[in-house]
Structure formats: C-alpha cells, structure tokens
Amino acid sequence: PYNPTEYFHEAFLRRYIRDPQALRQW
C-alpha cells in the first residue's frame, strides 16, 4: 500500500539499500 520513499527518509532508504542489516538487524 505504500512506496518505501513514502515512509523512509531518503538518507535512511539509501543506507537500507546499501546494507539492510546496518539499519535493521534481523
């Protein structure tokens, strides 16, 4: 229902794409 650009600040979205575990360890 939502695009990641709608709920991620761009700096965090860039970081998530580069290294998902660095932003959200799971």
mmCIF file of all heavy atoms, coordinates in Angstrom:
data_MODEL
# 
_entry.id   MODEL 
# 
loop_
_atom_site.group_PDB 
_atom_site.id 
_atom_site.type_symbol 
_atom_site.label_atom_id 
_atom_site.label_alt_id 
_atom_site.label_comp_id 
_atom_site.label_asym_id 
_atom_site.label_entity_id 
_atom_site.label_seq_id 
_atom_site.pdbx_PDB_ins_code 
_atom_site.Cartn_x 
_atom_site.Cartn_y 
_atom_site.Cartn_z 
_atom_site.occupancy 
_atom_site.B_iso_or_equiv 
_atom_site.pdbx_formal_charge 
_atom_site.auth_seq_id 
_atom_site.auth_comp_id 
_atom_site.auth_asym_id 
_atom_site.auth_atom_id 
_atom_site.pdbx_PDB_model_num 
ATOM 1   N N   . PRO A 1 1  ? 0.803  -1.228  0.000  1.00 0.00 ? 1  PRO A N   1 
ATOM 2   C CA  . PRO A 1 1  ? 0.000  0.000   0.000  1.00 0.00 ? 1  PRO A CA  1 
ATOM 3   C C   . PRO A 1 1  ? 0.837  1.279   0.000  1.00 0.00 ? 1  PRO A C   1 
ATOM 4   O O   . PRO A 1 1  ? 0.335  2.338   -0.328 1.00 0.00 ? 1  PRO A O   1 
ATOM 5   C CB  . PRO A 1 1  ? -0.814 -0.127  1.289  1.00 0.00 ? 1  PRO A CB  1 
ATOM 6   C CG  . PRO A 1 1  ? 0.045  -0.939  2.192  1.00 0.00 ? 1  PRO A CG  1 
ATOM 7   C CD  . PRO A 1 1  ? 0.766  -1.924  1.298  1.00 0.00 ? 1  PRO A CD  1 
ATOM 8   N N   . TYR A 1 2  ? 2.127  1.149   0.406  1.00 0.00 ? 2  TYR A N   1 
ATOM 9   C CA  . TYR A 1 2  ? 2.984  2.337   0.411  1.00 0.00 ? 2  TYR A CA  1 
ATOM 10  C C   . TYR A 1 2  ? 4.314  2.038   -0.275 1.00 0.00 ? 2  TYR A C   1 
ATOM 11  O O   . TYR A 1 2  ? 4.828  0.921   -0.228 1.00 0.00 ? 2  TYR A O   1 
ATOM 12  C CB  . TYR A 1 2  ? 3.238  2.836   1.844  1.00 0.00 ? 2  TYR A CB  1 
ATOM 13  C CG  . TYR A 1 2  ? 2.003  3.384   2.515  1.00 0.00 ? 2  TYR A CG  1 
ATOM 14  C CD1 . TYR A 1 2  ? 1.302  2.626   3.436  1.00 0.00 ? 2  TYR A CD1 1 
ATOM 15  C CD2 . TYR A 1 2  ? 1.531  4.661   2.203  1.00 0.00 ? 2  TYR A CD2 1 
ATOM 16  C CE1 . TYR A 1 2  ? 0.155  3.116   4.042  1.00 0.00 ? 2  TYR A CE1 1 
ATOM 17  C CE2 . TYR A 1 2  ? 0.390  5.162   2.801  1.00 0.00 ? 2  TYR A CE2 1 
ATOM 18  C CZ  . TYR A 1 2  ? -0.299 4.385   3.717  1.00 0.00 ? 2  TYR A CZ  1 
ATOM 19  O OH  . TYR A 1 2  ? -1.437 4.878   4.306  1.00 0.00 ? 2  TYR A OH  1 
ATOM 20  N N   . ASN A 1 3  ? 4.852  3.067   -0.870 1.00 0.00 ? 3  ASN A N   1 
ATOM 21  C CA  . ASN A 1 3  ? 6.153  3.031   -1.516 1.00 0.00 ? 3  ASN A CA  1 
ATOM 22  C C   . ASN A 1 3  ? 7.217  3.353   -0.457 1.00 0.00 ? 3  ASN A C   1 
ATOM 23  O O   . ASN A 1 3  ? 6.977  4.199   0.403  1.00 0.00 ? 3  ASN A O   1 
ATOM 24  C CB  . ASN A 1 3  ? 6.136  4.095   -2.622 1.00 0.00 ? 3  ASN A CB  1 
ATOM 25  C CG  . ASN A 1 3  ? 7.357  4.107   -3.497 1.00 0.00 ? 3  ASN A CG  1 
ATOM 26  O OD1 . ASN A 1 3  ? 8.466  4.349   -3.033 1.00 0.00 ? 3  ASN A OD1 1 
ATOM 27  N ND2 . ASN A 1 3  ? 7.156  3.877   -4.784 1.00 0.00 ? 3  ASN A ND2 1 
ATOM 28  N N   . PRO A 1 4  ? 8.387  2.690   -0.480 1.00 0.00 ? 4  PRO A N   1 
ATOM 29  C CA  . PRO A 1 4  ? 9.396  2.991   0.555  1.00 0.00 ? 4  PRO A CA  1 
ATOM 30  C C   . PRO A 1 4  ? 9.827  4.448   0.593  1.00 0.00 ? 4  PRO A C   1 
ATOM 31  O O   . PRO A 1 4  ? 10.260 4.935   1.641  1.00 0.00 ? 4  PRO A O   1 
ATOM 32  C CB  . PRO A 1 4  ? 10.563 2.068   0.201  1.00 0.00 ? 4  PRO A CB  1 
ATOM 33  C CG  . PRO A 1 4  ? 10.296 1.574   -1.170 1.00 0.00 ? 4  PRO A CG  1 
ATOM 34  C CD  . PRO A 1 4  ? 8.832  1.601   -1.361 1.00 0.00 ? 4  PRO A CD  1 
ATOM 35  N N   . THR A 1 5  ? 9.694  5.164   -0.519 1.00 0.00 ? 5  THR A N   1 
ATOM 36  C CA  . THR A 1 5  ? 10.048 6.593   -0.490 1.00 0.00 ? 5  THR A CA  1 
ATOM 37  C C   . THR A 1 5  ? 9.037  7.395   0.321  1.00 0.00 ? 5  THR A C   1 
ATOM 38  O O   . THR A 1 5  ? 9.305  8.552   0.679  1.00 0.00 ? 5  THR A O   1 
ATOM 39  C CB  . THR A 1 5  ? 10.123 7.170   -1.917 1.00 0.00 ? 5  THR A CB  1 
ATOM 40  O OG1 . THR A 1 5  ? 8.833  7.069   -2.543 1.00 0.00 ? 5  THR A OG1 1 
ATOM 41  C CG2 . THR A 1 5  ? 11.159 6.433   -2.752 1.00 0.00 ? 5  THR A CG2 1 
ATOM 42  N N   . GLU A 1 6  ? 7.882  6.793   0.649  1.00 0.00 ? 6  GLU A N   1 
ATOM 43  C CA  . GLU A 1 6  ? 6.853  7.488   1.434  1.00 0.00 ? 6  GLU A CA  1 
ATOM 44  C C   . GLU A 1 6  ? 7.061  7.326   2.938  1.00 0.00 ? 6  GLU A C   1 
ATOM 45  O O   . GLU A 1 6  ? 6.540  8.134   3.711  1.00 0.00 ? 6  GLU A O   1 
ATOM 46  C CB  . GLU A 1 6  ? 5.468  6.967   1.051  1.00 0.00 ? 6  GLU A CB  1 
ATOM 47  C CG  . GLU A 1 6  ? 5.072  7.260   -0.391 1.00 0.00 ? 6  GLU A CG  1 
ATOM 48  C CD  . GLU A 1 6  ? 3.721  6.672   -0.740 1.00 0.00 ? 6  GLU A CD  1 
ATOM 49  O OE1 . GLU A 1 6  ? 3.621  5.436   -0.914 1.00 0.00 ? 6  GLU A OE1 1 
ATOM 50  O OE2 . GLU A 1 6  ? 2.753  7.451   -0.845 1.00 0.00 ? 6  GLU A OE2 1 
ATOM 51  N N   . TYR A 1 7  ? 7.775  6.275   3.351  1.00 0.00 ? 7  TYR A N   1 
ATOM 52  C CA  . TYR A 1 7  ? 7.929  6.085   4.798  1.00 0.00 ? 7  TYR A CA  1 
ATOM 53  C C   . TYR A 1 7  ? 9.381  6.039   5.259  1.00 0.00 ? 7  TYR A C   1 
ATOM 54  O O   . TYR A 1 7  ? 9.645  5.952   6.451  1.00 0.00 ? 7  TYR A O   1 
ATOM 55  C CB  . TYR A 1 7  ? 7.187  4.820   5.270  1.00 0.00 ? 7  TYR A CB  1 
ATOM 56  C CG  . TYR A 1 7  ? 7.549  3.537   4.583  1.00 0.00 ? 7  TYR A CG  1 
ATOM 57  C CD1 . TYR A 1 7  ? 8.667  2.801   4.971  1.00 0.00 ? 7  TYR A CD1 1 
ATOM 58  C CD2 . TYR A 1 7  ? 6.751  3.025   3.562  1.00 0.00 ? 7  TYR A CD2 1 
ATOM 59  C CE1 . TYR A 1 7  ? 8.987  1.600   4.348  1.00 0.00 ? 7  TYR A CE1 1 
ATOM 60  C CE2 . TYR A 1 7  ? 7.062  1.832   2.938  1.00 0.00 ? 7  TYR A CE2 1 
ATOM 61  C CZ  . TYR A 1 7  ? 8.178  1.121   3.334  1.00 0.00 ? 7  TYR A CZ  1 
ATOM 62  O OH  . TYR A 1 7  ? 8.487  -0.068  2.715  1.00 0.00 ? 7  TYR A OH  1 
ATOM 63  N N   . PHE A 1 8  ? 10.335 6.101   4.339  1.00 0.00 ? 8  PHE A N   1 
ATOM 64  C CA  . PHE A 1 8  ? 11.751 6.192   4.683  1.00 0.00 ? 8  PHE A CA  1 
ATOM 65  C C   . PHE A 1 8  ? 12.257 7.600   4.372  1.00 0.00 ? 8  PHE A C   1 
ATOM 66  O O   . PHE A 1 8  ? 12.013 8.126   3.283  1.00 0.00 ? 8  PHE A O   1 
ATOM 67  C CB  . PHE A 1 8  ? 12.585 5.220   3.844  1.00 0.00 ? 8  PHE A CB  1 
ATOM 68  C CG  . PHE A 1 8  ? 12.819 3.866   4.458  1.00 0.00 ? 8  PHE A CG  1 
ATOM 69  C CD1 . PHE A 1 8  ? 12.358 2.726   3.818  1.00 0.00 ? 8  PHE A CD1 1 
ATOM 70  C CD2 . PHE A 1 8  ? 13.528 3.730   5.648  1.00 0.00 ? 8  PHE A CD2 1 
ATOM 71  C CE1 . PHE A 1 8  ? 12.592 1.468   4.353  1.00 0.00 ? 8  PHE A CE1 1 
ATOM 72  C CE2 . PHE A 1 8  ? 13.759 2.477   6.195  1.00 0.00 ? 8  PHE A CE2 1 
ATOM 73  C CZ  . PHE A 1 8  ? 13.294 1.340   5.553  1.00 0.00 ? 8  PHE A CZ  1 
ATOM 74  N N   . HIS A 1 9  ? 12.968 8.217   5.312  1.00 0.00 ? 9  HIS A N   1 
ATOM 75  C CA  . HIS A 1 9  ? 13.752 9.399   4.975  1.00 0.00 ? 9  HIS A CA  1 
ATOM 76  C C   . HIS A 1 9  ? 14.788 8.958   3.946  1.00 0.00 ? 9  HIS A C   1 
ATOM 77  O O   . HIS A 1 9  ? 15.358 7.869   4.041  1.00 0.00 ? 9  HIS A O   1 
ATOM 78  C CB  . HIS A 1 9  ? 14.431 9.926   6.237  1.00 0.00 ? 9  HIS A CB  1 
ATOM 79  C CG  . HIS A 1 9  ? 15.155 11.222  6.045  1.00 0.00 ? 9  HIS A CG  1 
ATOM 80  N ND1 . HIS A 1 9  ? 16.374 11.303  5.399  1.00 0.00 ? 9  HIS A ND1 1 
ATOM 81  C CD2 . HIS A 1 9  ? 14.839 12.494  6.415  1.00 0.00 ? 9  HIS A CD2 1 
ATOM 82  C CE1 . HIS A 1 9  ? 16.782 12.556  5.383  1.00 0.00 ? 9  HIS A CE1 1 
ATOM 83  N NE2 . HIS A 1 9  ? 15.859 13.308  5.977  1.00 0.00 ? 9  HIS A NE2 1 
ATOM 84  N N   . GLU A 1 10 ? 15.062 9.789   2.939  1.00 0.00 ? 10 GLU A N   1 
ATOM 85  C CA  . GLU A 1 10 ? 15.920 9.350   1.837  1.00 0.00 ? 10 GLU A CA  1 
ATOM 86  C C   . GLU A 1 10 ? 17.288 8.868   2.308  1.00 0.00 ? 10 GLU A C   1 
ATOM 87  O O   . GLU A 1 10 ? 17.802 7.865   1.790  1.00 0.00 ? 10 GLU A O   1 
ATOM 88  C CB  . GLU A 1 10 ? 16.100 10.469  0.806  1.00 0.00 ? 10 GLU A CB  1 
ATOM 89  C CG  . GLU A 1 10 ? 16.943 9.995   -0.376 1.00 0.00 ? 10 GLU A CG  1 
ATOM 90  C CD  . GLU A 1 10 ? 16.966 10.966  -1.542 1.00 0.00 ? 10 GLU A CD  1 
ATOM 91  O OE1 . GLU A 1 10 ? 15.947 11.654  -1.763 1.00 0.00 ? 10 GLU A OE1 1 
ATOM 92  O OE2 . GLU A 1 10 ? 17.997 11.029  -2.218 1.00 0.00 ? 10 GLU A OE2 1 
ATOM 93  N N   . ALA A 1 11 ? 17.874 9.523   3.289  1.00 0.00 ? 11 ALA A N   1 
ATOM 94  C CA  . ALA A 1 11 ? 19.198 9.098   3.761  1.00 0.00 ? 11 ALA A CA  1 
ATOM 95  C C   . ALA A 1 11 ? 19.149 7.682   4.330  1.00 0.00 ? 11 ALA A C   1 
ATOM 96  O O   . ALA A 1 11 ? 20.064 6.870   4.108  1.00 0.00 ? 11 ALA A O   1 
ATOM 97  C CB  . ALA A 1 11 ? 19.723 10.071  4.812  1.00 0.00 ? 11 ALA A CB  1 
ATOM 98  N N   . PHE A 1 12 ? 18.055 7.351   5.049  1.00 0.00 ? 12 PHE A N   1 
ATOM 99  C CA  . PHE A 1 12 ? 17.933 6.012   5.614  1.00 0.00 ? 12 PHE A CA  1 
ATOM 100 C C   . PHE A 1 12 ? 17.590 4.984   4.542  1.00 0.00 ? 12 PHE A C   1 
ATOM 101 O O   . PHE A 1 12 ? 18.037 3.834   4.609  1.00 0.00 ? 12 PHE A O   1 
ATOM 102 C CB  . PHE A 1 12 ? 16.886 6.009   6.729  1.00 0.00 ? 12 PHE A CB  1 
ATOM 103 C CG  . PHE A 1 12 ? 17.360 6.647   7.995  1.00 0.00 ? 12 PHE A CG  1 
ATOM 104 C CD1 . PHE A 1 12 ? 16.922 7.909   8.357  1.00 0.00 ? 12 PHE A CD1 1 
ATOM 105 C CD2 . PHE A 1 12 ? 18.266 6.001   8.823  1.00 0.00 ? 12 PHE A CD2 1 
ATOM 106 C CE1 . PHE A 1 12 ? 17.371 8.511   9.516  1.00 0.00 ? 12 PHE A CE1 1 
ATOM 107 C CE2 . PHE A 1 12 ? 18.721 6.592   9.993  1.00 0.00 ? 12 PHE A CE2 1 
ATOM 108 C CZ  . PHE A 1 12 ? 18.276 7.853   10.342 1.00 0.00 ? 12 PHE A CZ  1 
ATOM 109 N N   . LEU A 1 13 ? 16.808 5.378   3.557  1.00 0.00 ? 13 LEU A N   1 
ATOM 110 C CA  . LEU A 1 13 ? 16.493 4.462   2.468  1.00 0.00 ? 13 LEU A CA  1 
ATOM 111 C C   . LEU A 1 13 ? 17.762 4.109   1.692  1.00 0.00 ? 13 LEU A C   1 
ATOM 112 O O   . LEU A 1 13 ? 17.978 2.948   1.336  1.00 0.00 ? 13 LEU A O   1 
ATOM 113 C CB  . LEU A 1 13 ? 15.441 5.080   1.539  1.00 0.00 ? 13 LEU A CB  1 
ATOM 114 C CG  . LEU A 1 13 ? 15.018 4.237   0.332  1.00 0.00 ? 13 LEU A CG  1 
ATOM 115 C CD1 . LEU A 1 13 ? 14.548 2.842   0.768  1.00 0.00 ? 13 LEU A CD1 1 
ATOM 116 C CD2 . LEU A 1 13 ? 13.924 4.945   -0.466 1.00 0.00 ? 13 LEU A CD2 1 
ATOM 117 N N   . ARG A 1 14 ? 18.593 5.110   1.439  1.00 0.00 ? 14 ARG A N   1 
ATOM 118 C CA  . ARG A 1 14 ? 19.863 4.839   0.768  1.00 0.00 ? 14 ARG A CA  1 
ATOM 119 C C   . ARG A 1 14 ? 20.718 3.875   1.597  1.00 0.00 ? 14 ARG A C   1 
ATOM 120 O O   . ARG A 1 14 ? 21.319 2.937   1.049  1.00 0.00 ? 14 ARG A O   1 
ATOM 121 C CB  . ARG A 1 14 ? 20.626 6.147   0.544  1.00 0.00 ? 14 ARG A CB  1 
ATOM 122 C CG  . ARG A 1 14 ? 20.065 7.020   -0.568 1.00 0.00 ? 14 ARG A CG  1 
ATOM 123 C CD  . ARG A 1 14 ? 20.801 8.346   -0.676 1.00 0.00 ? 14 ARG A CD  1 
ATOM 124 N NE  . ARG A 1 14 ? 20.346 9.094   -1.823 1.00 0.00 ? 14 ARG A NE  1 
ATOM 125 C CZ  . ARG A 1 14 ? 20.855 8.978   -3.052 1.00 0.00 ? 14 ARG A CZ  1 
ATOM 126 N NH1 . ARG A 1 14 ? 21.859 8.151   -3.270 1.00 0.00 ? 14 ARG A NH1 1 
ATOM 127 N NH2 . ARG A 1 14 ? 20.375 9.685   -4.050 1.00 0.00 ? 14 ARG A NH2 1 
ATOM 128 N N   . ARG A 1 15 ? 20.763 4.103   2.888  1.00 0.00 ? 15 ARG A N   1 
ATOM 129 C CA  . ARG A 1 15 ? 21.551 3.224   3.747  1.00 0.00 ? 15 ARG A CA  1 
ATOM 130 C C   . ARG A 1 15 ? 20.972 1.815   3.770  1.00 0.00 ? 15 ARG A C   1 
ATOM 131 O O   . ARG A 1 15 ? 21.705 0.821   3.779  1.00 0.00 ? 15 ARG A O   1 
ATOM 132 C CB  . ARG A 1 15 ? 21.603 3.797   5.168  1.00 0.00 ? 15 ARG A CB  1 
ATOM 133 C CG  . ARG A 1 15 ? 22.556 3.046   6.088  1.00 0.00 ? 15 ARG A CG  1 
ATOM 134 C CD  . ARG A 1 15 ? 22.663 3.731   7.442  1.00 0.00 ? 15 ARG A CD  1 
ATOM 135 N NE  . ARG A 1 15 ? 23.601 3.010   8.292  1.00 0.00 ? 15 ARG A NE  1 
ATOM 136 C CZ  . ARG A 1 15 ? 23.831 3.304   9.565  1.00 0.00 ? 15 ARG A CZ  1 
ATOM 137 N NH1 . ARG A 1 15 ? 23.204 4.331   10.121 1.00 0.00 ? 15 ARG A NH1 1 
ATOM 138 N NH2 . ARG A 1 15 ? 24.676 2.593   10.285 1.00 0.00 ? 15 ARG A NH2 1 
ATOM 139 N N   . TYR A 1 16 ? 19.655 1.724   3.776  1.00 0.00 ? 16 TYR A N   1 
ATOM 140 C CA  . TYR A 1 16 ? 18.998 0.411   3.786  1.00 0.00 ? 16 TYR A CA  1 
ATOM 141 C C   . TYR A 1 16 ? 19.326 -0.369  2.518  1.00 0.00 ? 16 TYR A C   1 
ATOM 142 O O   . TYR A 1 16 ? 19.600 -1.574  2.565  1.00 0.00 ? 16 TYR A O   1 
ATOM 143 C CB  . TYR A 1 16 ? 17.487 0.596   3.919  1.00 0.00 ? 16 TYR A CB  1 
ATOM 144 C CG  . TYR A 1 16 ? 16.735 -0.706  4.040  1.00 0.00 ? 16 TYR A CG  1 
ATOM 145 C CD1 . TYR A 1 16 ? 16.822 -1.484  5.183  1.00 0.00 ? 16 TYR A CD1 1 
ATOM 146 C CD2 . TYR A 1 16 ? 15.936 -1.161  2.990  1.00 0.00 ? 16 TYR A CD2 1 
ATOM 147 C CE1 . TYR A 1 16 ? 16.146 -2.685  5.295  1.00 0.00 ? 16 TYR A CE1 1 
ATOM 148 C CE2 . TYR A 1 16 ? 15.242 -2.354  3.095  1.00 0.00 ? 16 TYR A CE2 1 
ATOM 149 C CZ  . TYR A 1 16 ? 15.357 -3.124  4.244  1.00 0.00 ? 16 TYR A CZ  1 
ATOM 150 O OH  . TYR A 1 16 ? 14.690 -4.311  4.350  1.00 0.00 ? 16 TYR A OH  1 
ATOM 151 N N   . ILE A 1 17 ? 19.301 0.290   1.374  1.00 0.00 ? 17 ILE A N   1 
ATOM 152 C CA  . ILE A 1 17 ? 19.607 -0.384  0.113  1.00 0.00 ? 17 ILE A CA  1 
ATOM 153 C C   . ILE A 1 17 ? 21.069 -0.831  0.089  1.00 0.00 ? 17 ILE A C   1 
ATOM 154 O O   . ILE A 1 17 ? 21.393 -1.920  -0.389 1.00 0.00 ? 17 ILE A O   1 
ATOM 155 C CB  . ILE A 1 17 ? 19.287 0.539   -1.076 1.00 0.00 ? 17 ILE A CB  1 
ATOM 156 C CG1 . ILE A 1 17 ? 17.764 0.733   -1.186 1.00 0.00 ? 17 ILE A CG1 1 
ATOM 157 C CG2 . ILE A 1 17 ? 19.844 -0.028  -2.377 1.00 0.00 ? 17 ILE A CG2 1 
ATOM 158 C CD1 . ILE A 1 17 ? 17.344 1.811   -2.172 1.00 0.00 ? 17 ILE A CD1 1 
ATOM 159 N N   . ARG A 1 18 ? 21.945 -0.001  0.631  1.00 0.00 ? 18 ARG A N   1 
ATOM 160 C CA  . ARG A 1 18 ? 23.366 -0.341  0.661  1.00 0.00 ? 18 ARG A CA  1 
ATOM 161 C C   . ARG A 1 18 ? 23.666 -1.505  1.605  1.00 0.00 ? 18 ARG A C   1 
ATOM 162 O O   . ARG A 1 18 ? 24.444 -2.401  1.286  1.00 0.00 ? 18 ARG A O   1 
ATOM 163 C CB  . ARG A 1 18 ? 24.189 0.879   1.080  1.00 0.00 ? 18 ARG A CB  1 
ATOM 164 C CG  . ARG A 1 18 ? 24.217 2.013   0.081  1.00 0.00 ? 18 ARG A CG  1 
ATOM 165 C CD  . ARG A 1 18 ? 24.965 1.624   -1.149 1.00 0.00 ? 18 ARG A CD  1 
ATOM 166 N NE  . ARG A 1 18 ? 25.169 2.745   -2.077 1.00 0.00 ? 18 ARG A NE  1 
ATOM 167 C CZ  . ARG A 1 18 ? 25.175 2.597   -3.371 1.00 0.00 ? 18 ARG A CZ  1 
ATOM 168 N NH1 . ARG A 1 18 ? 24.993 1.413   -3.919 1.00 0.00 ? 18 ARG A NH1 1 
ATOM 169 N NH2 . ARG A 1 18 ? 25.370 3.644   -4.161 1.00 0.00 ? 18 ARG A NH2 1 
ATOM 170 N N   . ASP A 1 19 ? 23.049 -1.500  2.782  1.00 0.00 ? 19 ASP A N   1 
ATOM 171 C CA  . ASP A 1 19 ? 23.348 -2.521  3.794  1.00 0.00 ? 19 ASP A CA  1 
ATOM 172 C C   . ASP A 1 19 ? 22.148 -2.674  4.716  1.00 0.00 ? 19 ASP A C   1 
ATOM 173 O O   . ASP A 1 19 ? 22.059 -2.010  5.751  1.00 0.00 ? 19 ASP A O   1 
ATOM 174 C CB  . ASP A 1 19 ? 24.591 -2.112  4.594  1.00 0.00 ? 19 ASP A CB  1 
ATOM 175 C CG  . ASP A 1 19 ? 25.024 -3.186  5.585  1.00 0.00 ? 19 ASP A CG  1 
ATOM 176 O OD1 . ASP A 1 19 ? 24.393 -4.262  5.641  1.00 0.00 ? 19 ASP A OD1 1 
ATOM 177 O OD2 . ASP A 1 19 ? 25.994 -2.937  6.323  1.00 0.00 ? 19 ASP A OD2 1 
ATOM 178 N N   . PRO A 1 20 ? 21.185 -3.522  4.364  1.00 0.00 ? 20 PRO A N   1 
ATOM 179 C CA  . PRO A 1 20 ? 19.954 -3.642  5.156  1.00 0.00 ? 20 PRO A CA  1 
ATOM 180 C C   . PRO A 1 20 ? 20.198 -3.943  6.628  1.00 0.00 ? 20 PRO A C   1 
ATOM 181 O O   . PRO A 1 20 ? 19.510 -3.402  7.492  1.00 0.00 ? 20 PRO A O   1 
ATOM 182 C CB  . PRO A 1 20 ? 19.203 -4.787  4.461  1.00 0.00 ? 20 PRO A CB  1 
ATOM 183 C CG  . PRO A 1 20 ? 19.723 -4.787  3.068  1.00 0.00 ? 20 PRO A CG  1 
ATOM 184 C CD  . PRO A 1 20 ? 21.154 -4.391  3.165  1.00 0.00 ? 20 PRO A CD  1 
ATOM 185 N N   . GLN A 1 21 ? 21.167 -4.797  6.920  1.00 0.00 ? 21 GLN A N   1 
ATOM 186 C CA  . GLN A 1 21 ? 21.399 -5.185  8.309  1.00 0.00 ? 21 GLN A CA  1 
ATOM 187 C C   . GLN A 1 21 ? 22.000 -4.046  9.133  1.00 0.00 ? 21 GLN A C   1 
ATOM 188 O O   . GLN A 1 21 ? 21.907 -4.050  10.358 1.00 0.00 ? 21 GLN A O   1 
ATOM 189 C CB  . GLN A 1 21 ? 22.319 -6.406  8.357  1.00 0.00 ? 21 GLN A CB  1 
ATOM 190 C CG  . GLN A 1 21 ? 21.671 -7.683  7.841  1.00 0.00 ? 21 GLN A CG  1 
ATOM 191 C CD  . GLN A 1 21 ? 20.580 -8.217  8.750  1.00 0.00 ? 21 GLN A CD  1 
ATOM 192 O OE1 . GLN A 1 21 ? 20.680 -8.131  9.973  1.00 0.00 ? 21 GLN A OE1 1 
ATOM 193 N NE2 . GLN A 1 21 ? 19.526 -8.759  8.170  1.00 0.00 ? 21 GLN A NE2 1 
ATOM 194 N N   . ALA A 1 22 ? 22.613 -3.053  8.471  1.00 0.00 ? 22 ALA A N   1 
ATOM 195 C CA  . ALA A 1 22 ? 23.166 -1.909  9.187  1.00 0.00 ? 22 ALA A CA  1 
ATOM 196 C C   . ALA A 1 22 ? 22.061 -1.005  9.712  1.00 0.00 ? 22 ALA A C   1 
ATOM 197 O O   . ALA A 1 22 ? 22.265 -0.258  10.669 1.00 0.00 ? 22 ALA A O   1 
ATOM 198 C CB  . ALA A 1 22 ? 24.099 -1.110  8.276  1.00 0.00 ? 22 ALA A CB  1 
ATOM 199 N N   . LEU A 1 23 ? 20.889 -1.079  9.103  1.00 0.00 ? 23 LEU A N   1 
ATOM 200 C CA  . LEU A 1 23 ? 19.772 -0.230  9.502  1.00 0.00 ? 23 LEU A CA  1 
ATOM 201 C C   . LEU A 1 23 ? 18.761 -0.988  10.354 1.00 0.00 ? 23 LEU A C   1 
ATOM 202 O O   . LEU A 1 23 ? 18.194 -0.443  11.301 1.00 0.00 ? 23 LEU A O   1 
ATOM 203 C CB  . LEU A 1 23 ? 19.081 0.345   8.269  1.00 0.00 ? 23 LEU A CB  1 
ATOM 204 C CG  . LEU A 1 23 ? 17.982 1.365   8.519  1.00 0.00 ? 23 LEU A CG  1 
ATOM 205 C CD1 . LEU A 1 23 ? 18.561 2.636   9.130  1.00 0.00 ? 23 LEU A CD1 1 
ATOM 206 C CD2 . LEU A 1 23 ? 17.262 1.706   7.218  1.00 0.00 ? 23 LEU A CD2 1 
ATOM 207 N N   . ARG A 1 24 ? 18.565 -2.264  10.003 1.00 0.00 ? 24 ARG A N   1 
ATOM 208 C CA  . ARG A 1 24 ? 17.533 -3.056  10.679 1.00 0.00 ? 24 ARG A CA  1 
ATOM 209 C C   . ARG A 1 24 ? 18.052 -4.483  10.821 1.00 0.00 ? 24 ARG A C   1 
ATOM 210 O O   . ARG A 1 24 ? 17.905 -5.299  9.906  1.00 0.00 ? 24 ARG A O   1 
ATOM 211 C CB  . ARG A 1 24 ? 16.240 -3.002  9.869  1.00 0.00 ? 24 ARG A CB  1 
ATOM 212 C CG  . ARG A 1 24 ? 15.091 -3.790  10.469 1.00 0.00 ? 24 ARG A CG  1 
ATOM 213 C CD  . ARG A 1 24 ? 13.861 -3.681  9.576  1.00 0.00 ? 24 ARG A CD  1 
ATOM 214 N NE  . ARG A 1 24 ? 13.290 -2.352  9.578  1.00 0.00 ? 24 ARG A NE  1 
ATOM 215 C CZ  . ARG A 1 24 ? 12.461 -1.885  8.638  1.00 0.00 ? 24 ARG A CZ  1 
ATOM 216 N NH1 . ARG A 1 24 ? 12.149 -2.641  7.606  1.00 0.00 ? 24 ARG A NH1 1 
ATOM 217 N NH2 . ARG A 1 24 ? 11.982 -0.669  8.729  1.00 0.00 ? 24 ARG A NH2 1 
ATOM 218 N N   . GLN A 1 25 ? 18.684 -4.784  11.960 1.00 0.00 ? 25 GLN A N   1 
ATOM 219 C CA  . GLN A 1 25 ? 19.243 -6.114  12.155 1.00 0.00 ? 25 GLN A CA  1 
ATOM 220 C C   . GLN A 1 25 ? 18.134 -7.123  12.404 1.00 0.00 ? 25 GLN A C   1 
ATOM 221 O O   . GLN A 1 25 ? 17.278 -6.929  13.265 1.00 0.00 ? 25 GLN A O   1 
ATOM 222 C CB  . GLN A 1 25 ? 20.236 -6.110  13.315 1.00 0.00 ? 25 GLN A CB  1 
ATOM 223 C CG  . GLN A 1 25 ? 21.515 -5.353  13.016 1.00 0.00 ? 25 GLN A CG  1 
ATOM 224 C CD  . GLN A 1 25 ? 22.594 -5.601  14.048 1.00 0.00 ? 25 GLN A CD  1 
ATOM 225 O OE1 . GLN A 1 25 ? 22.382 -6.310  15.030 1.00 0.00 ? 25 GLN A OE1 1 
ATOM 226 N NE2 . GLN A 1 25 ? 23.756 -5.020  13.815 1.00 0.00 ? 25 GLN A NE2 1 
ATOM 227 N N   . TRP A 1 26 ? 18.173 -8.188  11.618 1.00 0.00 ? 26 TRP A N   1 
ATOM 228 C CA  . TRP A 1 26 ? 17.124 -9.208  11.703 1.00 0.00 ? 26 TRP A CA  1 
ATOM 229 C C   . TRP A 1 26 ? 17.694 -10.496 11.147 1.00 0.00 ? 26 TRP A C   1 
ATOM 230 O O   . TRP A 1 26 ? 18.126 -10.544 9.989  1.00 0.00 ? 26 TRP A O   1 
ATOM 231 C CB  . TRP A 1 26 ? 15.899 -8.750  10.904 1.00 0.00 ? 26 TRP A CB  1 
ATOM 232 C CG  . TRP A 1 26 ? 14.730 -9.690  10.943 1.00 0.00 ? 26 TRP A CG  1 
ATOM 233 C CD1 . TRP A 1 26 ? 14.304 -10.418 12.002 1.00 0.00 ? 26 TRP A CD1 1 
ATOM 234 C CD2 . TRP A 1 26 ? 13.850 -10.006 9.862  1.00 0.00 ? 26 TRP A CD2 1 
ATOM 235 N NE1 . TRP A 1 26 ? 13.205 -11.161 11.663 1.00 0.00 ? 26 TRP A NE1 1 
ATOM 236 C CE2 . TRP A 1 26 ? 12.905 -10.927 10.354 1.00 0.00 ? 26 TRP A CE2 1 
ATOM 237 C CE3 . TRP A 1 26 ? 13.766 -9.590  8.543  1.00 0.00 ? 26 TRP A CE3 1 
ATOM 238 C CZ2 . TRP A 1 26 ? 11.891 -11.450 9.555  1.00 0.00 ? 26 TRP A CZ2 1 
ATOM 239 C CZ3 . TRP A 1 26 ? 12.756 -10.091 7.744  1.00 0.00 ? 26 TRP A CZ3 1 
ATOM 240 C CH2 . TRP A 1 26 ? 11.823 -11.020 8.245  1.00 0.00 ? 26 TRP A CH2 1 
# 
